[in-house]
Amino acid sequence: MKLEGRDAADFLFGSLDGAARDEVRLRSRDEWETPEQLFAVLRETFGEKLTAKQLLQRFYGRRQGKRESIQDFSHSLIVLMDKIQKCHPGTFANPDKDRTLRDTFVENLRDQQLRRDLKRMIRESPDRRFQAVREEALRSAEEDRPPPRIAYSGEVEAESAECQQVTAPQSKLIQELLASQKVLTEGLQRQQQVLADTQASLATLANRVQGREARWSALTCYTCGRVGHISRFCTSQQDQATPRNQTTGRNSGRKRQERKKEDESSNSNALQQ
């Protein structure tokens, strides 16, 4: 069943999505009762905003880029012409459309010698169409293209020389950095060795102190009976002095001296052990 008029417009509206659907929905229903009216609304909103004159200037001013192939350049001209015809119908007359595309293509090619050859061919055969001229341009460009090794040998040599100029300073800098890193590594190793020696010395000293404290802890004072010192260093002798001790006189002092000698003799043996 073929849809026409309002039904066809409704069907197309149901196929729309996003901004296009919103734009049509905001319009009055009278503005898109037919498919032609609906397409007109879409072209008005989302179509090309440039005038016919601006588009023609872009078309005639389109030149082949430095690295653009002939095939890509010809496709670009075809797309521009189609856009002009869609946005501004009747800009190109049907008999002159192919000729306009052909002449613009030849005039804006990058290769000057190829342009002269194609123009001479058109003068000899004025009715030759765009597609035939395009194929001749592609064939000539393919034949005139030198082998890749010959075409780029000079560029490769130049790039090689530039690479050497760039890599030489970089290699020198890398060597200097490696030398500096070696010096820093050796200095760090020396510091680590000094730290290890210091830690070993501290450990030895700590062991000696602990051994001495252990020997002193084995000593016993025969004056007060406490451990950790001898009678000579006993501080409790003065506290133990009484009137009775003062009256005993020389006998009491002699006994303390005897105990002191015995104490020192036994404790010195303990210290030597």
C-alpha atoms as a PDB file:
ATOM      1  CA  MET A   1       0.000   0.000   0.000  1.00  0.00           C
ATOM      2  CA  LYS A   2       1.458   3.338  -1.028  1.00  0.00           C
ATOM      3  CA  LEU A   3       1.196   6.180   1.459  1.00  0.00           C
ATOM      4  CA  GLU A   4       0.499   9.661   0.208  1.00  0.00           C
ATOM      5  CA  GLY A   5      -0.134  13.122   1.577  1.00  0.00           C
ATOM      6  CA  ARG A   6      -0.785  13.365   5.297  1.00  0.00           C
ATOM      7  CA  ASP A   7      -0.288   9.619   5.913  1.00  0.00           C
ATOM      8  CA  ALA A   8       3.129   9.691   4.257  1.00  0.00           C
ATOM      9  CA  ALA A   9       4.109  12.758   6.297  1.00  0.00           C
ATOM     10  CA  ASP A  10       3.028  11.004   9.521  1.00  0.00           C
ATOM     11  CA  PHE A  11       5.067   7.952   8.579  1.00  0.00           C
ATOM     12  CA  LEU A  12       8.167  10.075   7.948  1.00  0.00           C
ATOM     13  CA  PHE A  13       7.623  11.956  11.209  1.00  0.00           C
ATOM     14  CA  GLY A  14       7.563   8.629  13.090  1.00  0.00           C
ATOM     15  CA  SER A  15      10.941   7.789  11.554  1.00  0.00           C
ATOM     16  CA  LEU A  16      12.559  10.964  12.862  1.00  0.00           C
ATOM     17  CA  ASP A  17      14.511  11.089  16.109  1.00  0.00           C
ATOM     18  CA  GLY A  18      16.266  13.575  18.341  1.00  0.00           C
ATOM     19  CA  ALA A  19      16.482  17.236  17.367  1.00  0.00           C
ATOM     20  CA  ALA A  20      14.814  16.681  13.960  1.00  0.00           C
ATOM     21  CA  ARG A  21      11.707  15.150  15.559  1.00  0.00           C
ATOM     22  CA  ASP A  22      11.529  17.922  18.175  1.00  0.00           C
ATOM     23  CA  GLU A  23      11.828  20.620  15.507  1.00  0.00           C
ATOM     24  CA  VAL A  24       8.971  19.194  13.411  1.00  0.00           C
ATOM     25  CA  ARG A  25       6.766  18.636  16.465  1.00  0.00           C
ATOM     26  CA  LEU A  26       7.102  22.301  17.444  1.00  0.00           C
ATOM     27  CA  ARG A  27       5.856  23.402  14.027  1.00  0.00           C
ATOM     28  CA  SER A  28       2.191  23.829  13.165  1.00  0.00           C
ATOM     29  CA  ARG A  29       0.623  20.740  11.622  1.00  0.00           C
ATOM     30  CA  ASP A  30      -0.269  22.772   8.555  1.00  0.00           C
ATOM     31  CA  GLU A  31       3.454  23.286   7.849  1.00  0.00           C
ATOM     32  CA  TRP A  32       4.168  19.594   7.275  1.00  0.00           C
ATOM     33  CA  GLU A  33       1.031  18.000   5.907  1.00  0.00           C
ATOM     34  CA  THR A  34       2.950  16.452   2.996  1.00  0.00           C
ATOM     35  CA  PRO A  35       6.408  14.831   2.735  1.00  0.00           C
ATOM     36  CA  GLU A  36       7.601  17.762   0.628  1.00  0.00           C
ATOM     37  CA  GLN A  37       6.624  20.235   3.348  1.00  0.00           C
ATOM     38  CA  LEU A  38       8.292  18.101   6.031  1.00  0.00           C
ATOM     39  CA  PHE A  39      11.548  17.959   4.055  1.00  0.00           C
ATOM     40  CA  ALA A  40      11.346  21.723   3.530  1.00  0.00           C
ATOM     41  CA  VAL A  41      11.137  22.235   7.311  1.00  0.00           C
ATOM     42  CA  LEU A  42      14.167  20.012   7.870  1.00  0.00           C
ATOM     43  CA  ARG A  43      16.202  21.735   5.143  1.00  0.00           C
ATOM     44  CA  GLU A  44      15.306  25.119   6.559  1.00  0.00           C
ATOM     45  CA  THR A  45      16.523  24.132  10.023  1.00  0.00           C
ATOM     46  CA  PHE A  46      19.420  21.779   9.390  1.00  0.00           C
ATOM     47  CA  GLY A  47      20.376  22.496   5.774  1.00  0.00           C
ATOM     48  CA  GLU A  48      23.284  24.454   4.354  1.00  0.00           C
ATOM     49  CA  LYS A  49      23.193  28.093   5.436  1.00  0.00           C
ATOM     50  CA  LEU A  50      25.514  29.395   2.740  1.00  0.00           C
ATOM     51  CA  THR A  51      24.107  31.196  -0.253  1.00  0.00           C
ATOM     52  CA  ALA A  52      24.469  29.916  -3.801  1.00  0.00           C
ATOM     53  CA  LYS A  53      27.159  32.502  -4.473  1.00  0.00           C
ATOM     54  CA  GLN A  54      29.187  31.433  -1.448  1.00  0.00           C
ATOM     55  CA  LEU A  55      28.933  27.770  -2.382  1.00  0.00           C
ATOM     56  CA  LEU A  56      29.998  28.521  -5.961  1.00  0.00           C
ATOM     57  CA  GLN A  57      33.030  30.435  -4.696  1.00  0.00           C
ATOM     58  CA  ARG A  58      33.964  27.446  -2.577  1.00  0.00           C
ATOM     59  CA  PHE A  59      33.518  25.113  -5.564  1.00  0.00           C
ATOM     60  CA  TYR A  60      35.572  27.121  -8.062  1.00  0.00           C
ATOM     61  CA  GLY A  61      38.229  27.920  -5.450  1.00  0.00           C
ATOM     62  CA  ARG A  62      38.763  24.294  -4.440  1.00  0.00           C
ATOM     63  CA  ARG A  63      42.345  23.317  -5.339  1.00  0.00           C
ATOM     64  CA  GLN A  64      44.205  20.062  -4.974  1.00  0.00           C
ATOM     65  CA  GLY A  65      46.116  19.939  -1.708  1.00  0.00           C
ATOM     66  CA  LYS A  66      49.842  19.344  -1.438  1.00  0.00           C
ATOM     67  CA  ARG A  67      49.440  15.773  -0.211  1.00  0.00           C
ATOM     68  CA  GLU A  68      45.965  15.170  -1.664  1.00  0.00           C
ATOM     69  CA  SER A  69      45.591  12.493  -4.331  1.00  0.00           C
ATOM     70  CA  ILE A  70      43.864  13.177  -7.654  1.00  0.00           C
ATOM     71  CA  GLN A  71      41.157  10.708  -6.737  1.00  0.00           C
ATOM     72  CA  ASP A  72      40.358  12.427  -3.424  1.00  0.00           C
ATOM     73  CA  PHE A  73      40.404  15.836  -5.091  1.00  0.00           C
ATOM     74  CA  SER A  74      37.923  14.751  -7.767  1.00  0.00           C
ATOM     75  CA  HIS A  75      35.600  13.253  -5.139  1.00  0.00           C
ATOM     76  CA  SER A  76      35.681  16.512  -3.205  1.00  0.00           C
ATOM     77  CA  LEU A  77      34.570  18.492  -6.273  1.00  0.00           C
ATOM     78  CA  ILE A  78      31.719  16.051  -6.933  1.00  0.00           C
ATOM     79  CA  VAL A  79      30.479  16.383  -3.339  1.00  0.00           C
ATOM     80  CA  LEU A  80      30.555  20.187  -3.527  1.00  0.00           C
ATOM     81  CA  MET A  81      28.596  20.217  -6.789  1.00  0.00           C
ATOM     82  CA  ASP A  82      25.970  17.845  -5.365  1.00  0.00           C
ATOM     83  CA  LYS A  83      25.575  20.060  -2.303  1.00  0.00           C
ATOM     84  CA  ILE A  84      25.012  23.137  -4.483  1.00  0.00           C
ATOM     85  CA  GLN A  85      22.388  21.329  -6.530  1.00  0.00           C
ATOM     86  CA  LYS A  86      20.528  20.118  -3.437  1.00  0.00           C
ATOM     87  CA  CYS A  87      20.569  23.453  -1.619  1.00  0.00           C
ATOM     88  CA  HIS A  88      20.048  25.624  -4.685  1.00  0.00           C
ATOM     89  CA  PRO A  89      18.467  23.625  -7.521  1.00  0.00           C
ATOM     90  CA  GLY A  90      18.950  25.027 -10.994  1.00  0.00           C
ATOM     91  CA  THR A  91      22.339  26.581 -10.276  1.00  0.00           C
ATOM     92  CA  PHE A  92      23.974  24.343 -12.885  1.00  0.00           C
ATOM     93  CA  ALA A  93      22.242  23.754 -16.206  1.00  0.00           C
ATOM     94  CA  ASN A  94      22.144  20.087 -17.125  1.00  0.00           C
ATOM     95  CA  PRO A  95      24.114  20.412 -20.404  1.00  0.00           C
ATOM     96  CA  ASP A  96      26.859  22.427 -18.707  1.00  0.00           C
ATOM     97  CA  LYS A  97      27.072  20.471 -15.443  1.00  0.00           C
ATOM     98  CA  ASP A  98      29.601  17.871 -16.608  1.00  0.00           C
ATOM     99  CA  ARG A  99      31.644  20.448 -18.520  1.00  0.00           C
ATOM    100  CA  THR A 100      31.808  22.752 -15.482  1.00  0.00           C
ATOM    101  CA  LEU A 101      32.981  19.888 -13.279  1.00  0.00           C
ATOM    102  CA  ARG A 102      35.561  18.802 -15.891  1.00  0.00           C
ATOM    103  CA  ASP A 103      37.057  22.256 -16.433  1.00  0.00           C
ATOM    104  CA  THR A 104      37.201  23.052 -12.706  1.00  0.00           C
ATOM    105  CA  PHE A 105      38.930  19.734 -12.059  1.00  0.00           C
ATOM    106  CA  VAL A 106      41.594  20.326 -14.715  1.00  0.00           C
ATOM    107  CA  GLU A 107      42.178  23.980 -13.802  1.00  0.00           C
ATOM    108  CA  ASN A 108      42.805  23.276 -10.107  1.00  0.00           C
ATOM    109  CA  LEU A 109      45.157  20.295 -10.381  1.00  0.00           C
ATOM    110  CA  ARG A 110      48.457  20.730  -8.581  1.00  0.00           C
ATOM    111  CA  ASP A 111      50.728  19.325 -11.325  1.00  0.00           C
ATOM    112  CA  GLN A 112      51.325  22.076 -13.883  1.00  0.00           C
ATOM    113  CA  GLN A 113      52.511  19.725 -16.646  1.00  0.00           C
ATOM    114  CA  LEU A 114      49.472  17.498 -16.157  1.00  0.00           C
ATOM    115  CA  ARG A 115      47.196  20.519 -16.428  1.00  0.00           C
ATOM    116  CA  ARG A 116      48.736  21.481 -19.784  1.00  0.00           C
ATOM    117  CA  ASP A 117      48.405  17.939 -21.144  1.00  0.00           C
ATOM    118  CA  LEU A 118      44.745  17.657 -20.133  1.00  0.00           C
ATOM    119  CA  LYS A 119      43.877  21.067 -21.553  1.00  0.00           C
ATOM    120  CA  ARG A 120      45.468  20.106 -24.884  1.00  0.00           C
ATOM    121  CA  MET A 121      43.443  16.890 -24.875  1.00  0.00           C
ATOM    122  CA  ILE A 122      40.218  18.857 -24.237  1.00  0.00           C
ATOM    123  CA  ARG A 123      41.014  21.250 -27.080  1.00  0.00           C
ATOM    124  CA  GLU A 124      41.463  18.310 -29.405  1.00  0.00           C
ATOM    125  CA  SER A 125      38.259  16.621 -28.142  1.00  0.00           C
ATOM    126  CA  PRO A 126      35.930  19.292 -26.699  1.00  0.00           C
ATOM    127  CA  ASP A 127      33.165  16.765 -26.046  1.00  0.00           C
ATOM    128  CA  ARG A 128      35.275  14.567 -23.785  1.00  0.00           C
ATOM    129  CA  ARG A 129      33.436  14.069 -20.500  1.00  0.00           C
ATOM    130  CA  PHE A 130      34.644  14.567 -16.939  1.00  0.00           C
ATOM    131  CA  GLN A 131      34.983  10.856 -16.179  1.00  0.00           C
ATOM    132  CA  ALA A 132      37.251  10.290 -19.201  1.00  0.00           C
ATOM    133  CA  VAL A 133      39.453  13.257 -18.296  1.00  0.00           C
ATOM    134  CA  ARG A 134      39.646  12.055 -14.694  1.00  0.00           C
ATOM    135  CA  GLU A 135      40.737   8.560 -15.755  1.00  0.00           C
ATOM    136  CA  GLU A 136      43.415  10.033 -18.030  1.00  0.00           C
ATOM    137  CA  ALA A 137      44.704  12.169 -15.144  1.00  0.00           C
ATOM    138  CA  LEU A 138      44.876   9.139 -12.843  1.00  0.00           C
ATOM    139  CA  ARG A 139      46.708   7.091 -15.493  1.00  0.00           C
ATOM    140  CA  SER A 140      49.243   9.841 -16.213  1.00  0.00           C
ATOM    141  CA  ALA A 141      49.911  10.393 -12.526  1.00  0.00           C
ATOM    142  CA  GLU A 142      50.469   6.659 -12.029  1.00  0.00           C
ATOM    143  CA  GLU A 143      52.914   6.454 -14.947  1.00  0.00           C
ATOM    144  CA  ASP A 144      54.864   9.532 -13.913  1.00  0.00           C
ATOM    145  CA  ARG A 145      55.197   8.415 -10.298  1.00  0.00           C
ATOM    146  CA  PRO A 146      58.859   7.456  -9.642  1.00  0.00           C
ATOM    147  CA  PRO A 147      59.774   4.330  -7.667  1.00  0.00           C
ATOM    148  CA  PRO A 148      59.392   4.881  -3.925  1.00  0.00           C
ATOM    149  CA  ARG A 149      63.091   4.200  -3.271  1.00  0.00           C
ATOM    150  CA  ILE A 150      64.211   6.862  -5.755  1.00  0.00           C
ATOM    151  CA  ALA A 151      61.547   9.346  -4.728  1.00  0.00           C
ATOM    152  CA  TYR A 152      62.370   9.203  -1.058  1.00  0.00           C
ATOM    153  CA  SER A 153      66.092   8.397  -1.052  1.00  0.00           C
ATOM    154  CA  GLY A 154      67.018  12.060  -0.622  1.00  0.00           C
ATOM    155  CA  GLU A 155      64.469  12.501   2.114  1.00  0.00           C
ATOM    156  CA  VAL A 156      65.740   9.403   3.919  1.00  0.00           C
ATOM    157  CA  GLU A 157      69.329  10.660   3.776  1.00  0.00           C
ATOM    158  CA  ALA A 158      68.285  14.071   5.060  1.00  0.00           C
ATOM    159  CA  GLU A 159      66.263  12.539   7.860  1.00  0.00           C
ATOM    160  CA  SER A 160      69.183  10.248   8.737  1.00  0.00           C
ATOM    161  CA  ALA A 161      71.534  13.229   8.987  1.00  0.00           C
ATOM    162  CA  GLU A 162      69.048  15.102  11.137  1.00  0.00           C
ATOM    163  CA  CYS A 163      68.643  12.079  13.385  1.00  0.00           C
ATOM    164  CA  GLN A 164      72.409  11.875  13.855  1.00  0.00           C
ATOM    165  CA  GLN A 165      72.562  15.556  14.750  1.00  0.00           C
ATOM    166  CA  VAL A 166      69.828  15.069  17.313  1.00  0.00           C
ATOM    167  CA  THR A 167      71.040  11.770  18.789  1.00  0.00           C
ATOM    168  CA  ALA A 168      74.690  12.832  19.224  1.00  0.00           C
ATOM    169  CA  PRO A 169      74.004  15.421  21.977  1.00  0.00           C
ATOM    170  CA  GLN A 170      71.497  13.054  23.536  1.00  0.00           C
ATOM    171  CA  SER A 171      74.071  10.238  23.699  1.00  0.00           C
ATOM    172  CA  LYS A 172      76.584  12.556  25.357  1.00  0.00           C
ATOM    173  CA  LEU A 173      73.999  13.689  27.872  1.00  0.00           C
ATOM    174  CA  ILE A 174      73.055  10.086  28.655  1.00  0.00           C
ATOM    175  CA  GLN A 175      76.720   9.196  29.255  1.00  0.00           C
ATOM    176  CA  GLU A 176      77.121  12.140  31.624  1.00  0.00           C
ATOM    177  CA  LEU A 177      73.989  11.128  33.512  1.00  0.00           C
ATOM    178  CA  LEU A 178      75.232   7.543  33.819  1.00  0.00           C
ATOM    179  CA  ALA A 179      78.597   8.753  35.150  1.00  0.00           C
ATOM    180  CA  SER A 180      76.873  10.966  37.724  1.00  0.00           C
ATOM    181  CA  GLN A 181      74.650   8.090  38.744  1.00  0.00           C
ATOM    182  CA  LYS A 182      77.706   5.859  39.235  1.00  0.00           C
ATOM    183  CA  VAL A 183      79.360   8.453  41.513  1.00  0.00           C
ATOM    184  CA  LEU A 184      76.180   8.800  43.568  1.00  0.00           C
ATOM    185  CA  THR A 185      75.865   5.025  43.880  1.00  0.00           C
ATOM    186  CA  GLU A 186      79.445   4.661  45.111  1.00  0.00           C
ATOM    187  CA  GLY A 187      78.943   7.466  47.654  1.00  0.00           C
ATOM    188  CA  LEU A 188      75.771   5.830  48.923  1.00  0.00           C
ATOM    189  CA  GLN A 189      77.555   2.495  49.304  1.00  0.00           C
ATOM    190  CA  ARG A 190      80.324   4.154  51.359  1.00  0.00           C
ATOM    191  CA  GLN A 191      77.770   5.815  53.617  1.00  0.00           C
ATOM    192  CA  GLN A 192      76.013   2.499  54.128  1.00  0.00           C
ATOM    193  CA  GLN A 193      79.331   0.860  55.085  1.00  0.00           C
ATOM    194  CA  VAL A 194      80.108   3.628  57.604  1.00  0.00           C
ATOM    195  CA  LEU A 195      76.643   3.246  59.098  1.00  0.00           C
ATOM    196  CA  ALA A 196      77.086  -0.525  59.392  1.00  0.00           C
ATOM    197  CA  ASP A 197      80.480  -0.094  61.124  1.00  0.00           C
ATOM    198  CA  THR A 198      78.998   2.443  63.550  1.00  0.00           C
ATOM    199  CA  GLN A 199      76.127   0.131  64.413  1.00  0.00           C
ATOM    200  CA  ALA A 200      78.570  -2.729  65.037  1.00  0.00           C
ATOM    201  CA  SER A 201      80.701  -0.535  67.354  1.00  0.00           C
ATOM    202  CA  LEU A 202      77.628   0.559  69.312  1.00  0.00           C
ATOM    203  CA  ALA A 203      76.519  -3.054  69.687  1.00  0.00           C
ATOM    204  CA  THR A 204      79.964  -4.065  71.026  1.00  0.00           C
ATOM    205  CA  LEU A 205      79.981  -1.168  73.503  1.00  0.00           C
ATOM    206  CA  ALA A 206      76.489  -2.045  74.684  1.00  0.00           C
ATOM    207  CA  ASN A 207      77.553  -5.647  75.295  1.00  0.00           C
ATOM    208  CA  ARG A 208      80.516  -4.468  77.373  1.00  0.00           C
ATOM    209  CA  VAL A 209      78.346  -2.189  79.478  1.00  0.00           C
ATOM    210  CA  GLN A 210      75.814  -4.940  80.041  1.00  0.00           C
ATOM    211  CA  GLY A 211      78.605  -7.358  81.081  1.00  0.00           C
ATOM    212  CA  ARG A 212      80.021  -4.833  83.531  1.00  0.00           C
ATOM    213  CA  GLU A 213      76.605  -4.185  85.027  1.00  0.00           C
ATOM    214  CA  ALA A 214      76.082  -7.926  85.364  1.00  0.00           C
ATOM    215  CA  ARG A 215      79.394  -8.292  87.255  1.00  0.00           C
ATOM    216  CA  TRP A 216      78.575  -5.395  89.564  1.00  0.00           C
ATOM    217  CA  SER A 217      75.177  -6.901  90.272  1.00  0.00           C
ATOM    218  CA  ALA A 218      76.953 -10.024  91.598  1.00  0.00           C
ATOM    219  CA  LEU A 219      78.851  -8.020  94.254  1.00  0.00           C
ATOM    220  CA  THR A 220      77.638  -7.978  97.880  1.00  0.00           C
ATOM    221  CA  CYS A 221      78.375  -5.336 100.500  1.00  0.00           C
ATOM    222  CA  TYR A 222      79.417  -6.892 103.813  1.00  0.00           C
ATOM    223  CA  THR A 223      78.593  -3.722 105.678  1.00  0.00           C
ATOM    224  CA  CYS A 224      74.911  -3.412 104.776  1.00  0.00           C
ATOM    225  CA  GLY A 225      74.307  -6.800 103.133  1.00  0.00           C
ATOM    226  CA  ARG A 226      72.987  -5.334  99.869  1.00  0.00           C
ATOM    227  CA  VAL A 227      74.075  -6.300  96.361  1.00  0.00           C
ATOM    228  CA  GLY A 228      75.455  -4.054  93.629  1.00  0.00           C
ATOM    229  CA  HIS A 229      78.334  -2.418  95.557  1.00  0.00           C
ATOM    230  CA  ILE A 230      81.118  -3.097  98.038  1.00  0.00           C
ATOM    231  CA  SER A 231      81.748  -1.729 101.491  1.00  0.00           C
ATOM    232  CA  ARG A 232      84.110   0.952 100.218  1.00  0.00           C
ATOM    233  CA  PHE A 233      81.266   2.550  98.299  1.00  0.00           C
ATOM    234  CA  CYS A 234      78.573   1.830 100.884  1.00  0.00           C
ATOM    235  CA  THR A 235      76.629   4.932 101.881  1.00  0.00           C
ATOM    236  CA  SER A 236      74.937   3.372 104.884  1.00  0.00           C
ATOM    237  CA  GLN A 237      78.065   3.361 107.071  1.00  0.00           C
ATOM    238  CA  GLN A 238      77.463   6.888 108.306  1.00  0.00           C
ATOM    239  CA  ASP A 239      73.806   6.154 109.097  1.00  0.00           C
ATOM    240  CA  GLN A 240      74.786   3.169 111.227  1.00  0.00           C
ATOM    241  CA  ALA A 241      77.129   5.170 113.499  1.00  0.00           C
ATOM    242  CA  THR A 242      75.844   5.071 117.205  1.00  0.00           C
ATOM    243  CA  PRO A 243      77.146   6.268 120.618  1.00  0.00           C
ATOM    244  CA  ARG A 244      78.097   2.673 121.352  1.00  0.00           C
ATOM    245  CA  ASN A 245      80.289   2.571 118.254  1.00  0.00           C
ATOM    246  CA  GLN A 246      81.955   5.786 119.304  1.00  0.00           C
ATOM    247  CA  THR A 247      82.797   4.358 122.734  1.00  0.00           C
ATOM    248  CA  THR A 248      84.257   1.175 121.363  1.00  0.00           C
ATOM    249  CA  GLY A 249      87.128   3.209 119.967  1.00  0.00           C
ATOM    250  CA  ARG A 250      89.886   1.573 118.123  1.00  0.00           C
ATOM    251  CA  ASN A 251      88.589  -2.007 118.446  1.00  0.00           C
ATOM    252  CA  SER A 252      85.450  -1.208 116.494  1.00  0.00           C
ATOM    253  CA  GLY A 253      87.389   0.672 113.772  1.00  0.00           C
ATOM    254  CA  ARG A 254      89.832  -2.178 113.458  1.00  0.00           C
ATOM    255  CA  LYS A 255      87.010  -4.674 112.918  1.00  0.00           C
ATOM    256  CA  ARG A 256      85.482  -2.550 110.180  1.00  0.00           C
ATOM    257  CA  GLN A 257      88.813  -2.297 108.416  1.00  0.00           C
ATOM    258  CA  GLU A 258      89.207  -6.064 108.537  1.00  0.00           C
ATOM    259  CA  ARG A 259      85.730  -6.577 107.092  1.00  0.00           C
ATOM    260  CA  LYS A 260      86.485  -4.015 104.431  1.00  0.00           C
ATOM    261  CA  LYS A 261      89.639  -5.829 103.342  1.00  0.00           C
ATOM    262  CA  GLU A 262      87.830  -9.135 103.230  1.00  0.00           C
ATOM    263  CA  ASP A 263      85.001  -7.517 101.263  1.00  0.00           C
ATOM    264  CA  GLU A 264      87.338  -5.984  98.729  1.00  0.00           C
ATOM    265  CA  SER A 265      89.291  -9.186  98.296  1.00  0.00           C
ATOM    266  CA  SER A 266      86.221 -11.312  97.579  1.00  0.00           C
ATOM    267  CA  ASN A 267      84.561  -8.720  95.362  1.00  0.00           C
ATOM    268  CA  SER A 268      87.710  -8.170  93.307  1.00  0.00           C
ATOM    269  CA  ASN A 269      87.738 -11.873  92.591  1.00  0.00           C
ATOM    270  CA  ALA A 270      84.137 -11.584  91.430  1.00  0.00           C
ATOM    271  CA  LEU A 271      85.011  -8.676  89.159  1.00  0.00           C
ATOM    272  CA  GLN A 272      87.881 -10.599  87.598  1.00  0.00           C
ATOM    273  CA  GLN A 273      85.542 -13.444  86.811  1.00  0.00           C
END
